[in-house]
Amino acid sequence: MRIYLDLCCLNRPYDDQVQTRIRLETEAKLVLQDKAREGACELVWSAILDFENANNPFDARREAIGQWRALAVEHVMLDDDVLSRADEAMSFGLREYDALHVAAAITGRADIL
C-alpha cells in the first residue's frame, strides 16, 4: 500500500490535542508513519511537500517533518503532467495546494491520500 500525507497531516501532531477529532487524526497519522517506518506501506513524497515544509516557520517541526522525505519510495516532481492534473482538480473546486497534493498522490500511485 502506498500512502501520501500532505503537510497538514504531517503537522497534525503539533496541533492542540484537546479536541477529540484532532487527537484521533494524530493517532491515525502516527500509525501510518509507523507502518511506513516498518516497511508495511510505502510513503510517497512530492516537491510541493518540500516547498511547503521549507516555509514552515517552526524550525523543529520543519526538521522533523523533513526527515520523513528520506523514507519515501518515490519523490514526485512538479512536471507538466502533475500541473495538468492539478488544474483539473482545481476545476472541481480544490484550492491550489490541495490540488497539487492530489495530483502528486495520483502521479505517485498512492492508494491513500
PDB file of N, CA and C in Angstrom:
ATOM      1  N   MET A   1       0.837  -1.168   0.000  1.00  0.00           N
ATOM      2  CA  MET A   1       0.000   0.000   0.000  1.00  0.00           C
ATOM      3  C   MET A   1       0.889   1.239   0.000  1.00  0.00           C
ATOM      4  N   ARG A   2       0.549   2.185  -0.850  1.00  0.00           N
ATOM      5  CA  ARG A   2       1.294   3.446  -0.946  1.00  0.00           C
ATOM      6  C   ARG A   2       0.455   4.568  -0.352  1.00  0.00           C
ATOM      7  N   ILE A   3       1.087   5.393   0.493  1.00  0.00           N
ATOM      8  CA  ILE A   3       0.372   6.499   1.125  1.00  0.00           C
ATOM      9  C   ILE A   3       1.044   7.828   0.809  1.00  0.00           C
ATOM     10  N   TYR A   4       0.226   8.857   0.734  1.00  0.00           N
ATOM     11  CA  TYR A   4       0.698  10.225   0.540  1.00  0.00           C
ATOM     12  C   TYR A   4       0.084  11.056   1.658  1.00  0.00           C
ATOM     13  N   LEU A   5       0.925  11.684   2.455  1.00  0.00           N
ATOM     14  CA  LEU A   5       0.471  12.529   3.555  1.00  0.00           C
ATOM     15  C   LEU A   5       0.775  13.980   3.201  1.00  0.00           C
ATOM     16  N   ASP A   6      -0.249  14.834   3.169  1.00  0.00           N
ATOM     17  CA  ASP A   6       0.011  16.238   2.877  1.00  0.00           C
ATOM     18  C   ASP A   6       0.583  16.918   4.122  1.00  0.00           C
ATOM     19  N   LEU A   7       0.985  18.167   3.987  1.00  0.00           N
ATOM     20  CA  LEU A   7       1.672  18.831   5.092  1.00  0.00           C
ATOM     21  C   LEU A   7       0.762  19.053   6.291  1.00  0.00           C
ATOM     22  N   CYS A   8      -0.523  19.272   6.058  1.00  0.00           N
ATOM     23  CA  CYS A   8      -1.451  19.413   7.192  1.00  0.00           C
ATOM     24  C   CYS A   8      -1.441  18.134   8.028  1.00  0.00           C
ATOM     25  N   CYS A   9      -1.438  17.014   7.352  1.00  0.00           N
ATOM     26  CA  CYS A   9      -1.404  15.725   8.035  1.00  0.00           C
ATOM     27  C   CYS A   9      -0.077  15.550   8.784  1.00  0.00           C
ATOM     28  N   LEU A  10       1.005  15.884   8.128  1.00  0.00           N
ATOM     29  CA  LEU A  10       2.315  15.739   8.762  1.00  0.00           C
ATOM     30  C   LEU A  10       2.472  16.656   9.974  1.00  0.00           C
ATOM     31  N   ASN A  11       1.780  17.785   9.952  1.00  0.00           N
ATOM     32  CA  ASN A  11       1.833  18.736  11.069  1.00  0.00           C
ATOM     33  C   ASN A  11       0.840  18.422  12.180  1.00  0.00           C
ATOM     34  N   ARG A  12      -0.083  17.503  11.969  1.00  0.00           N
ATOM     35  CA  ARG A  12      -1.172  17.252  12.909  1.00  0.00           C
ATOM     36  C   ARG A  12      -0.703  16.990  14.346  1.00  0.00           C
ATOM     37  N   PRO A  13       0.373  16.257  14.590  1.00  0.00           N
ATOM     38  CA  PRO A  13       0.785  16.030  15.986  1.00  0.00           C
ATOM     39  C   PRO A  13       1.176  17.310  16.728  1.00  0.00           C
ATOM     40  N   TYR A  14       1.456  18.380  16.002  1.00  0.00           N
ATOM     41  CA  TYR A  14       1.854  19.637  16.631  1.00  0.00           C
ATOM     42  C   TYR A  14       0.655  20.527  16.945  1.00  0.00           C
ATOM     43  N   ASP A  15      -0.547  20.108  16.503  1.00  0.00           N
ATOM     44  CA  ASP A  15      -1.761  20.873  16.775  1.00  0.00           C
ATOM     45  C   ASP A  15      -2.237  20.617  18.204  1.00  0.00           C
ATOM     46  N   ASP A  16      -3.090  21.502  18.701  1.00  0.00           N
ATOM     47  CA  ASP A  16      -3.685  21.359  20.025  1.00  0.00           C
ATOM     48  C   ASP A  16      -4.507  20.072  20.053  1.00  0.00           C
ATOM     49  N   GLN A  17      -4.172  19.176  20.959  1.00  0.00           N
ATOM     50  CA  GLN A  17      -4.783  17.850  21.012  1.00  0.00           C
ATOM     51  C   GLN A  17      -6.015  17.779  21.918  1.00  0.00           C
ATOM     52  N   VAL A  18      -6.546  18.912  22.324  1.00  0.00           N
ATOM     53  CA  VAL A  18      -7.702  18.935  23.211  1.00  0.00           C
ATOM     54  C   VAL A  18      -8.940  18.355  22.536  1.00  0.00           C
ATOM     55  N   GLN A  19      -9.165  18.697  21.269  1.00  0.00           N
ATOM     56  CA  GLN A  19     -10.342  18.201  20.552  1.00  0.00           C
ATOM     57  C   GLN A  19     -10.155  16.720  20.204  1.00  0.00           C
ATOM     58  N   THR A  20     -11.192  15.948  20.390  1.00  0.00           N
ATOM     59  CA  THR A  20     -11.147  14.517  20.109  1.00  0.00           C
ATOM     60  C   THR A  20     -10.789  14.252  18.651  1.00  0.00           C
ATOM     61  N   ARG A  21     -11.374  14.996  17.736  1.00  0.00           N
ATOM     62  CA  ARG A  21     -11.116  14.786  16.308  1.00  0.00           C
ATOM     63  C   ARG A  21      -9.628  14.977  15.991  1.00  0.00           C
ATOM     64  N   ILE A  22      -9.024  16.007  16.541  1.00  0.00           N
ATOM     65  CA  ILE A  22      -7.601  16.288  16.306  1.00  0.00           C
ATOM     66  C   ILE A  22      -6.753  15.146  16.866  1.00  0.00           C
ATOM     67  N   ARG A  23      -7.093  14.698  18.067  1.00  0.00           N
ATOM     68  CA  ARG A  23      -6.354  13.608  18.703  1.00  0.00           C
ATOM     69  C   ARG A  23      -6.449  12.323  17.886  1.00  0.00           C
ATOM     70  N   LEU A  24      -7.640  12.010  17.380  1.00  0.00           N
ATOM     71  CA  LEU A  24      -7.821  10.801  16.575  1.00  0.00           C
ATOM     72  C   LEU A  24      -7.079  10.896  15.248  1.00  0.00           C
ATOM     73  N   GLU A  25      -7.126  12.063  14.625  1.00  0.00           N
ATOM     74  CA  GLU A  25      -6.381  12.255  13.378  1.00  0.00           C
ATOM     75  C   GLU A  25      -4.889  12.106  13.615  1.00  0.00           C
ATOM     76  N   THR A  26      -4.402  12.611  14.734  1.00  0.00           N
ATOM     77  CA  THR A  26      -2.990  12.475  15.087  1.00  0.00           C
ATOM     78  C   THR A  26      -2.628  11.009  15.263  1.00  0.00           C
ATOM     79  N   GLU A  27      -3.452  10.272  15.983  1.00  0.00           N
ATOM     80  CA  GLU A  27      -3.190   8.844  16.198  1.00  0.00           C
ATOM     81  C   GLU A  27      -3.157   8.085  14.874  1.00  0.00           C
ATOM     82  N   ALA A  28      -4.096   8.380  13.993  1.00  0.00           N
ATOM     83  CA  ALA A  28      -4.134   7.712  12.685  1.00  0.00           C
ATOM     84  C   ALA A  28      -2.874   8.030  11.888  1.00  0.00           C
ATOM     85  N   LYS A  29      -2.461   9.267  11.905  1.00  0.00           N
ATOM     86  CA  LYS A  29      -1.251   9.681  11.182  1.00  0.00           C
ATOM     87  C   LYS A  29      -0.023   8.981  11.755  1.00  0.00           C
ATOM     88  N   LEU A  30       0.063   8.877  13.064  1.00  0.00           N
ATOM     89  CA  LEU A  30       1.207   8.217  13.688  1.00  0.00           C
ATOM     90  C   LEU A  30       1.251   6.727  13.346  1.00  0.00           C
ATOM     91  N   VAL A  31       0.089   6.091  13.279  1.00  0.00           N
ATOM     92  CA  VAL A  31       0.030   4.676  12.888  1.00  0.00           C
ATOM     93  C   VAL A  31       0.539   4.515  11.458  1.00  0.00           C
ATOM     94  N   LEU A  32       0.085   5.392  10.557  1.00  0.00           N
ATOM     95  CA  LEU A  32       0.541   5.311   9.166  1.00  0.00           C
ATOM     96  C   LEU A  32       2.047   5.534   9.061  1.00  0.00           C
ATOM     97  N   GLN A  33       2.571   6.469   9.824  1.00  0.00           N
ATOM     98  CA  GLN A  33       4.009   6.703   9.788  1.00  0.00           C
ATOM     99  C   GLN A  33       4.770   5.498  10.345  1.00  0.00           C
ATOM    100  N   ASP A  34       4.252   4.870  11.381  1.00  0.00           N
ATOM    101  CA  ASP A  34       4.897   3.657  11.904  1.00  0.00           C
ATOM    102  C   ASP A  34       4.911   2.569  10.843  1.00  0.00           C
ATOM    103  N   LYS A  35       3.807   2.434  10.111  1.00  0.00           N
ATOM    104  CA  LYS A  35       3.723   1.432   9.033  1.00  0.00           C
ATOM    105  C   LYS A  35       4.766   1.730   7.957  1.00  0.00           C
ATOM    106  N   ALA A  36       4.950   2.995   7.627  1.00  0.00           N
ATOM    107  CA  ALA A  36       5.956   3.373   6.625  1.00  0.00           C
ATOM    108  C   ALA A  36       7.356   3.071   7.144  1.00  0.00           C
ATOM    109  N   ARG A  37       7.597   3.377   8.400  1.00  0.00           N
ATOM    110  CA  ARG A  37       8.911   3.125   9.002  1.00  0.00           C
ATOM    111  C   ARG A  37       9.216   1.634   9.029  1.00  0.00           C
ATOM    112  N   GLU A  38       8.193   0.815   9.280  1.00  0.00           N
ATOM    113  CA  GLU A  38       8.353  -0.641   9.343  1.00  0.00           C
ATOM    114  C   GLU A  38       8.416  -1.291   7.968  1.00  0.00           C
ATOM    115  N   GLY A  39       8.088  -0.544   6.926  1.00  0.00           N
ATOM    116  CA  GLY A  39       8.067  -1.103   5.583  1.00  0.00           C
ATOM    117  C   GLY A  39       6.757  -1.783   5.229  1.00  0.00           C
ATOM    118  N   ALA A  40       5.747  -1.649   6.079  1.00  0.00           N
ATOM    119  CA  ALA A  40       4.441  -2.255   5.811  1.00  0.00           C
ATOM    120  C   ALA A  40       3.657  -1.466   4.763  1.00  0.00           C
ATOM    121  N   CYS A  41       4.053  -0.235   4.530  1.00  0.00           N
ATOM    122  CA  CYS A  41       3.480   0.567   3.451  1.00  0.00           C
ATOM    123  C   CYS A  41       4.563   1.499   2.929  1.00  0.00           C
ATOM    124  N   GLU A  42       4.310   2.052   1.766  1.00  0.00           N
ATOM    125  CA  GLU A  42       5.295   2.911   1.107  1.00  0.00           C
ATOM    126  C   GLU A  42       4.837   4.359   1.148  1.00  0.00           C
ATOM    127  N   LEU A  43       5.747   5.240   1.483  1.00  0.00           N
ATOM    128  CA  LEU A  43       5.463   6.663   1.565  1.00  0.00           C
ATOM    129  C   LEU A  43       5.839   7.341   0.246  1.00  0.00           C
ATOM    130  N   VAL A  44       4.915   8.151  -0.267  1.00  0.00           N
ATOM    131  CA  VAL A  44       5.159   8.949  -1.480  1.00  0.00           C
ATOM    132  C   VAL A  44       5.351  10.400  -1.041  1.00  0.00           C
ATOM    133  N   TRP A  45       6.375  11.039  -1.561  1.00  0.00           N
ATOM    134  CA  TRP A  45       6.714  12.428  -1.231  1.00  0.00           C
ATOM    135  C   TRP A  45       6.610  13.260  -2.495  1.00  0.00           C
ATOM    136  N   SER A  46       6.564  14.579  -2.348  1.00  0.00           N
ATOM    137  CA  SER A  46       6.478  15.427  -3.537  1.00  0.00           C
ATOM    138  C   SER A  46       7.224  16.743  -3.354  1.00  0.00           C
ATOM    139  N   ALA A  47       7.452  17.397  -4.479  1.00  0.00           N
ATOM    140  CA  ALA A  47       8.096  18.706  -4.467  1.00  0.00           C
ATOM    141  C   ALA A  47       7.228  19.739  -3.755  1.00  0.00           C
ATOM    142  N   ILE A  48       5.915  19.583  -3.818  1.00  0.00           N
ATOM    143  CA  ILE A  48       5.041  20.528  -3.104  1.00  0.00           C
ATOM    144  C   ILE A  48       5.199  20.366  -1.595  1.00  0.00           C
ATOM    145  N   LEU A  49       5.438  19.146  -1.130  1.00  0.00           N
ATOM    146  CA  LEU A  49       5.726  18.946   0.295  1.00  0.00           C
ATOM    147  C   LEU A  49       7.040  19.630   0.673  1.00  0.00           C
ATOM    148  N   ASP A  50       8.045  19.476  -0.189  1.00  0.00           N
ATOM    149  CA  ASP A  50       9.326  20.150   0.064  1.00  0.00           C
ATOM    150  C   ASP A  50       9.120  21.662   0.177  1.00  0.00           C
ATOM    151  N   PHE A  51       8.368  22.216  -0.781  1.00  0.00           N
ATOM    152  CA  PHE A  51       8.137  23.661  -0.816  1.00  0.00           C
ATOM    153  C   PHE A  51       7.398  24.136   0.434  1.00  0.00           C
ATOM    154  N   GLU A  52       6.289  23.463   0.750  1.00  0.00           N
ATOM    155  CA  GLU A  52       5.512  23.887   1.917  1.00  0.00           C
ATOM    156  C   GLU A  52       6.310  23.730   3.208  1.00  0.00           C
ATOM    157  N   ASN A  53       7.009  22.610   3.337  1.00  0.00           N
ATOM    158  CA  ASN A  53       7.761  22.386   4.556  1.00  0.00           C
ATOM    159  C   ASN A  53       8.912  23.375   4.701  1.00  0.00           C
ATOM    160  N   ALA A  54       9.530  23.749   3.600  1.00  0.00           N
ATOM    161  CA  ALA A  54      10.616  24.738   3.648  1.00  0.00           C
ATOM    162  C   ALA A  54      10.121  26.076   4.185  1.00  0.00           C
ATOM    163  N   ASN A  55       8.833  26.334   4.041  1.00  0.00           N
ATOM    164  CA  ASN A  55       8.244  27.590   4.512  1.00  0.00           C
ATOM    165  C   ASN A  55       7.619  27.469   5.903  1.00  0.00           C
ATOM    166  N   ASN A  56       7.820  26.332   6.556  1.00  0.00           N
ATOM    167  CA  ASN A  56       7.312  26.143   7.906  1.00  0.00           C
ATOM    168  C   ASN A  56       8.110  27.055   8.841  1.00  0.00           C
ATOM    169  N   PRO A  57       7.439  27.937   9.568  1.00  0.00           N
ATOM    170  CA  PRO A  57       8.175  28.887  10.414  1.00  0.00           C
ATOM    171  C   PRO A  57       8.776  28.271  11.679  1.00  0.00           C
ATOM    172  N   PHE A  58       8.418  27.028  11.982  1.00  0.00           N
ATOM    173  CA  PHE A  58       8.910  26.376  13.193  1.00  0.00           C
ATOM    174  C   PHE A  58      10.058  25.430  12.837  1.00  0.00           C
ATOM    175  N   ASP A  59      11.268  25.798  13.227  1.00  0.00           N
ATOM    176  CA  ASP A  59      12.461  25.032  12.856  1.00  0.00           C
ATOM    177  C   ASP A  59      12.378  23.555  13.230  1.00  0.00           C
ATOM    178  N   ALA A  60      12.006  23.270  14.461  1.00  0.00           N
ATOM    179  CA  ALA A  60      11.973  21.874  14.927  1.00  0.00           C
ATOM    180  C   ALA A  60      10.950  21.062  14.138  1.00  0.00           C
ATOM    181  N   ARG A  61       9.806  21.642  13.871  1.00  0.00           N
ATOM    182  CA  ARG A  61       8.781  20.946  13.090  1.00  0.00           C
ATOM    183  C   ARG A  61       9.263  20.708  11.664  1.00  0.00           C
ATOM    184  N   ARG A  62       9.836  21.744  11.079  1.00  0.00           N
ATOM    185  CA  ARG A  62      10.337  21.647   9.699  1.00  0.00           C
ATOM    186  C   ARG A  62      11.370  20.526   9.590  1.00  0.00           C
ATOM    187  N   GLU A  63      12.284  20.450  10.541  1.00  0.00           N
ATOM    188  CA  GLU A  63      13.324  19.418  10.512  1.00  0.00           C
ATOM    189  C   GLU A  63      12.740  18.026  10.733  1.00  0.00           C
ATOM    190  N   ALA A  64      11.829  17.893  11.687  1.00  0.00           N
ATOM    191  CA  ALA A  64      11.222  16.585  11.970  1.00  0.00           C
ATOM    192  C   ALA A  64      10.421  16.087  10.774  1.00  0.00           C
ATOM    193  N   ILE A  65       9.642  16.963  10.177  1.00  0.00           N
ATOM    194  CA  ILE A  65       8.838  16.573   9.017  1.00  0.00           C
ATOM    195  C   ILE A  65       9.754  16.257   7.836  1.00  0.00           C
ATOM    196  N   GLY A  66      10.783  17.040   7.653  1.00  0.00           N
ATOM    197  CA  GLY A  66      11.708  16.822   6.544  1.00  0.00           C
ATOM    198  C   GLY A  66      12.403  15.472   6.584  1.00  0.00           C
ATOM    199  N   GLN A  67      12.559  14.906   7.759  1.00  0.00           N
ATOM    200  CA  GLN A  67      13.209  13.596   7.886  1.00  0.00           C
ATOM    201  C   GLN A  67      12.385  12.487   7.234  1.00  0.00           C
ATOM    202  N   TRP A  68      11.071  12.679   7.123  1.00  0.00           N
ATOM    203  CA  TRP A  68      10.224  11.655   6.511  1.00  0.00           C
ATOM    204  C   TRP A  68      10.499  11.526   5.022  1.00  0.00           C
ATOM    205  N   ARG A  69      11.057  12.556   4.417  1.00  0.00           N
ATOM    206  CA  ARG A  69      11.372  12.521   2.981  1.00  0.00           C
ATOM    207  C   ARG A  69      12.302  11.352   2.661  1.00  0.00           C
ATOM    208  N   ALA A  70      13.245  11.078   3.546  1.00  0.00           N
ATOM    209  CA  ALA A  70      14.221  10.008   3.318  1.00  0.00           C
ATOM    210  C   ALA A  70      13.575   8.625   3.282  1.00  0.00           C
ATOM    211  N   LEU A  71      12.427   8.475   3.918  1.00  0.00           N
ATOM    212  CA  LEU A  71      11.733   7.190   3.929  1.00  0.00           C
ATOM    213  C   LEU A  71      10.881   6.965   2.683  1.00  0.00           C
ATOM    214  N   ALA A  72      10.653   8.016   1.918  1.00  0.00           N
ATOM    215  CA  ALA A  72       9.766   7.912   0.760  1.00  0.00           C
ATOM    216  C   ALA A  72      10.365   7.011  -0.320  1.00  0.00           C
ATOM    217  N   VAL A  73       9.498   6.223  -0.929  1.00  0.00           N
ATOM    218  CA  VAL A  73       9.928   5.338  -2.021  1.00  0.00           C
ATOM    219  C   VAL A  73       9.861   6.055  -3.361  1.00  0.00           C
ATOM    220  N   GLU A  74       9.174   7.182  -3.381  1.00  0.00           N
ATOM    221  CA  GLU A  74       9.067   7.957  -4.614  1.00  0.00           C
ATOM    222  C   GLU A  74       8.966   9.430  -4.274  1.00  0.00           C
ATOM    223  N   HIS A  75       9.623  10.252  -5.107  1.00  0.00           N
ATOM    224  CA  HIS A  75       9.580  11.703  -4.963  1.00  0.00           C
ATOM    225  C   HIS A  75       8.978  12.265  -6.252  1.00  0.00           C
ATOM    226  N   VAL A  76       7.768  12.770  -6.163  1.00  0.00           N
ATOM    227  CA  VAL A  76       7.060  13.286  -7.331  1.00  0.00           C
ATOM    228  C   VAL A  76       7.466  14.741  -7.567  1.00  0.00           C
ATOM    229  N   MET A  77       7.951  15.000  -8.764  1.00  0.00           N
ATOM    230  CA  MET A  77       8.320  16.361  -9.140  1.00  0.00           C
ATOM    231  C   MET A  77       7.112  17.063  -9.745  1.00  0.00           C
ATOM    232  N   LEU A  78       7.123  18.379  -9.750  1.00  0.00           N
ATOM    233  CA  LEU A  78       6.014  19.141 -10.325  1.00  0.00           C
ATOM    234  C   LEU A  78       6.265  19.360 -11.811  1.00  0.00           C
ATOM    235  N   ASP A  79       5.979  18.347 -12.601  1.00  0.00           N
ATOM    236  CA  ASP A  79       6.157  18.445 -14.050  1.00  0.00           C
ATOM    237  C   ASP A  79       4.832  18.812 -14.715  1.00  0.00           C
ATOM    238  N   ASP A  80       4.827  18.844 -16.041  1.00  0.00           N
ATOM    239  CA  ASP A  80       3.623  19.237 -16.778  1.00  0.00           C
ATOM    240  C   ASP A  80       2.437  18.327 -16.474  1.00  0.00           C
ATOM    241  N   ASP A  81       2.697  17.030 -16.311  1.00  0.00           N
ATOM    242  CA  ASP A  81       1.622  16.083 -16.023  1.00  0.00           C
ATOM    243  C   ASP A  81       0.974  16.392 -14.671  1.00  0.00           C
ATOM    244  N   VAL A  82       1.784  16.618 -13.663  1.00  0.00           N
ATOM    245  CA  VAL A  82       1.268  16.921 -12.326  1.00  0.00           C
ATOM    246  C   VAL A  82       0.498  18.244 -12.358  1.00  0.00           C
ATOM    247  N   LEU A  83       1.064  19.237 -13.027  1.00  0.00           N
ATOM    248  CA  LEU A  83       0.394  20.542 -13.097  1.00  0.00           C
ATOM    249  C   LEU A  83      -0.932  20.454 -13.840  1.00  0.00           C
ATOM    250  N   SER A  84      -0.986  19.640 -14.886  1.00  0.00           N
ATOM    251  CA  SER A  84      -2.228  19.439 -15.625  1.00  0.00           C
ATOM    252  C   SER A  84      -3.281  18.767 -14.744  1.00  0.00           C
ATOM    253  N   ARG A  85      -2.862  17.756 -14.002  1.00  0.00           N
ATOM    254  CA  ARG A  85      -3.795  17.082 -13.081  1.00  0.00           C
ATOM    255  C   ARG A  85      -4.276  18.048 -11.997  1.00  0.00           C
ATOM    256  N   ALA A  86      -3.389  18.893 -11.526  1.00  0.00           N
ATOM    257  CA  ALA A  86      -3.763  19.875 -10.504  1.00  0.00           C
ATOM    258  C   ALA A  86      -4.780  20.870 -11.070  1.00  0.00           C
ATOM    259  N   ASP A  87      -4.564  21.314 -12.296  1.00  0.00           N
ATOM    260  CA  ASP A  87      -5.527  22.219 -12.934  1.00  0.00           C
ATOM    261  C   ASP A  87      -6.903  21.568 -13.018  1.00  0.00           C
ATOM    262  N   GLU A  88      -6.919  20.287 -13.373  1.00  0.00           N
ATOM    263  CA  GLU A  88      -8.183  19.565 -13.453  1.00  0.00           C
ATOM    264  C   GLU A  88      -8.850  19.499 -12.075  1.00  0.00           C
ATOM    265  N   ALA A  89      -8.079  19.213 -11.050  1.00  0.00           N
ATOM    266  CA  ALA A  89      -8.626  19.142  -9.694  1.00  0.00           C
ATOM    267  C   ALA A  89      -9.164  20.504  -9.252  1.00  0.00           C
ATOM    268  N   MET A  90      -8.478  21.571  -9.628  1.00  0.00           N
ATOM    269  CA  MET A  90      -8.953  22.915  -9.268  1.00  0.00           C
ATOM    270  C   MET A  90     -10.268  23.243  -9.973  1.00  0.00           C
ATOM    271  N   SER A  91     -10.484  22.658 -11.146  1.00  0.00           N
ATOM    272  CA  SER A  91     -11.748  22.909 -11.855  1.00  0.00           C
ATOM    273  C   SER A  91     -12.933  22.321 -11.083  1.00  0.00           C
ATOM    274  N   PHE A  92     -12.661  21.410 -10.145  1.00  0.00           N
ATOM    275  CA  PHE A  92     -13.704  20.839  -9.299  1.00  0.00           C
ATOM    276  C   PHE A  92     -13.821  21.582  -7.969  1.00  0.00           C
ATOM    277  N   GLY A  93     -13.036  22.636  -7.807  1.00  0.00           N
ATOM    278  CA  GLY A  93     -13.154  23.465  -6.617  1.00  0.00           C
ATOM    279  C   GLY A  93     -12.046  23.335  -5.587  1.00  0.00           C
ATOM    280  N   LEU A  94     -11.067  22.483  -5.835  1.00  0.00           N
ATOM    281  CA  LEU A  94      -9.955  22.375  -4.880  1.00  0.00           C
ATOM    282  C   LEU A  94      -9.068  23.611  -4.967  1.00  0.00           C
ATOM    283  N   ARG A  95      -8.510  23.986  -3.834  1.00  0.00           N
ATOM    284  CA  ARG A  95      -7.551  25.087  -3.825  1.00  0.00           C
ATOM    285  C   ARG A  95      -6.213  24.601  -4.371  1.00  0.00           C
ATOM    286  N   GLU A  96      -5.349  25.540  -4.723  1.00  0.00           N
ATOM    287  CA  GLU A  96      -4.111  25.222  -5.441  1.00  0.00           C
ATOM    288  C   GLU A  96      -3.250  24.158  -4.746  1.00  0.00           C
ATOM    289  N   TYR A  97      -2.906  24.367  -3.486  1.00  0.00           N
ATOM    290  CA  TYR A  97      -2.034  23.405  -2.814  1.00  0.00           C
ATOM    291  C   TYR A  97      -2.706  22.043  -2.663  1.00  0.00           C
ATOM    292  N   ASP A  98      -3.989  22.043  -2.314  1.00  0.00           N
ATOM    293  CA  ASP A  98      -4.710  20.773  -2.209  1.00  0.00           C
ATOM    294  C   ASP A  98      -4.715  20.048  -3.545  1.00  0.00           C
ATOM    295  N   ALA A  99      -4.942  20.787  -4.619  1.00  0.00           N
ATOM    296  CA  ALA A  99      -4.948  20.194  -5.954  1.00  0.00           C
ATOM    297  C   ALA A  99      -3.574  19.636  -6.314  1.00  0.00           C
ATOM    298  N   LEU A 100      -2.519  20.340  -5.945  1.00  0.00           N
ATOM    299  CA  LEU A 100      -1.163  19.852  -6.215  1.00  0.00           C
ATOM    300  C   LEU A 100      -0.872  18.570  -5.433  1.00  0.00           C
ATOM    301  N   HIS A 101      -1.342  18.497  -4.196  1.00  0.00           N
ATOM    302  CA  HIS A 101      -1.160  17.272  -3.414  1.00  0.00           C
ATOM    303  C   HIS A 101      -1.931  16.110  -4.030  1.00  0.00           C
ATOM    304  N   VAL A 102      -3.158  16.357  -4.447  1.00  0.00           N
ATOM    305  CA  VAL A 102      -3.952  15.307  -5.093  1.00  0.00           C
ATOM    306  C   VAL A 102      -3.243  14.831  -6.354  1.00  0.00           C
ATOM    307  N   ALA A 103      -2.791  15.764  -7.168  1.00  0.00           N
ATOM    308  CA  ALA A 103      -2.103  15.414  -8.411  1.00  0.00           C
ATOM    309  C   ALA A 103      -0.820  14.635  -8.137  1.00  0.00           C
ATOM    310  N   ALA A 104      -0.073  15.030  -7.121  1.00  0.00           N
ATOM    311  CA  ALA A 104       1.162  14.316  -6.769  1.00  0.00           C
ATOM    312  C   ALA A 104       0.848  12.922  -6.264  1.00  0.00           C
ATOM    313  N   ALA A 105      -0.216  12.793  -5.481  1.00  0.00           N
ATOM    314  CA  ALA A 105      -0.607  11.467  -4.977  1.00  0.00           C
ATOM    315  C   ALA A 105      -1.018  10.550  -6.111  1.00  0.00           C
ATOM    316  N   ILE A 106      -1.754  11.076  -7.068  1.00  0.00           N
ATOM    317  CA  ILE A 106      -2.168  10.271  -8.230  1.00  0.00           C
ATOM    318  C   ILE A 106      -0.943   9.867  -9.048  1.00  0.00           C
ATOM    319  N   THR A 107      -0.079  10.815  -9.317  1.00  0.00           N
ATOM    320  CA  THR A 107       1.128  10.541 -10.106  1.00  0.00           C
ATOM    321  C   THR A 107       2.028   9.532  -9.389  1.00  0.00           C
ATOM    322  N   GLY A 108       2.090   9.626  -8.069  1.00  0.00           N
ATOM    323  CA  GLY A 108       2.915   8.705  -7.279  1.00  0.00           C
ATOM    324  C   GLY A 108       2.225   7.387  -6.999  1.00  0.00           C
ATOM    325  N   ARG A 109       1.065   7.181  -7.582  1.00  0.00           N
ATOM    326  CA  ARG A 109       0.303   5.927  -7.447  1.00  0.00           C
ATOM    327  C   ARG A 109      -0.026   5.595  -5.988  1.00  0.00           C
ATOM    328  N   ALA A 110      -0.350   6.646  -5.226  1.00  0.00           N
ATOM    329  CA  ALA A 110      -0.732   6.441  -3.823  1.00  0.00           C
ATOM    330  C   ALA A 110      -2.116   5.806  -3.752  1.00  0.00           C
ATOM    331  N   ASP A 111      -2.256   4.865  -2.851  1.00  0.00           N
ATOM    332  CA  ASP A 111      -3.553   4.235  -2.595  1.00  0.00           C
ATOM    333  C   ASP A 111      -4.379   5.061  -1.627  1.00  0.00           C
ATOM    334  N   ILE A 112      -3.681   5.806  -0.767  1.00  0.00           N
ATOM    335  CA  ILE A 112      -4.338   6.610   0.271  1.00  0.00           C
ATOM    336  C   ILE A 112      -3.721   7.986   0.278  1.00  0.00           C
ATOM    337  N   LEU A 113      -4.582   9.005   0.358  1.00  0.00           N
ATOM    338  CA  LEU A 113      -4.151  10.399   0.498  1.00  0.00           C
ATOM    339  C   LEU A 113      -4.764  10.923   1.770  1.00  0.00           C
TER     340      LEU A 113
END
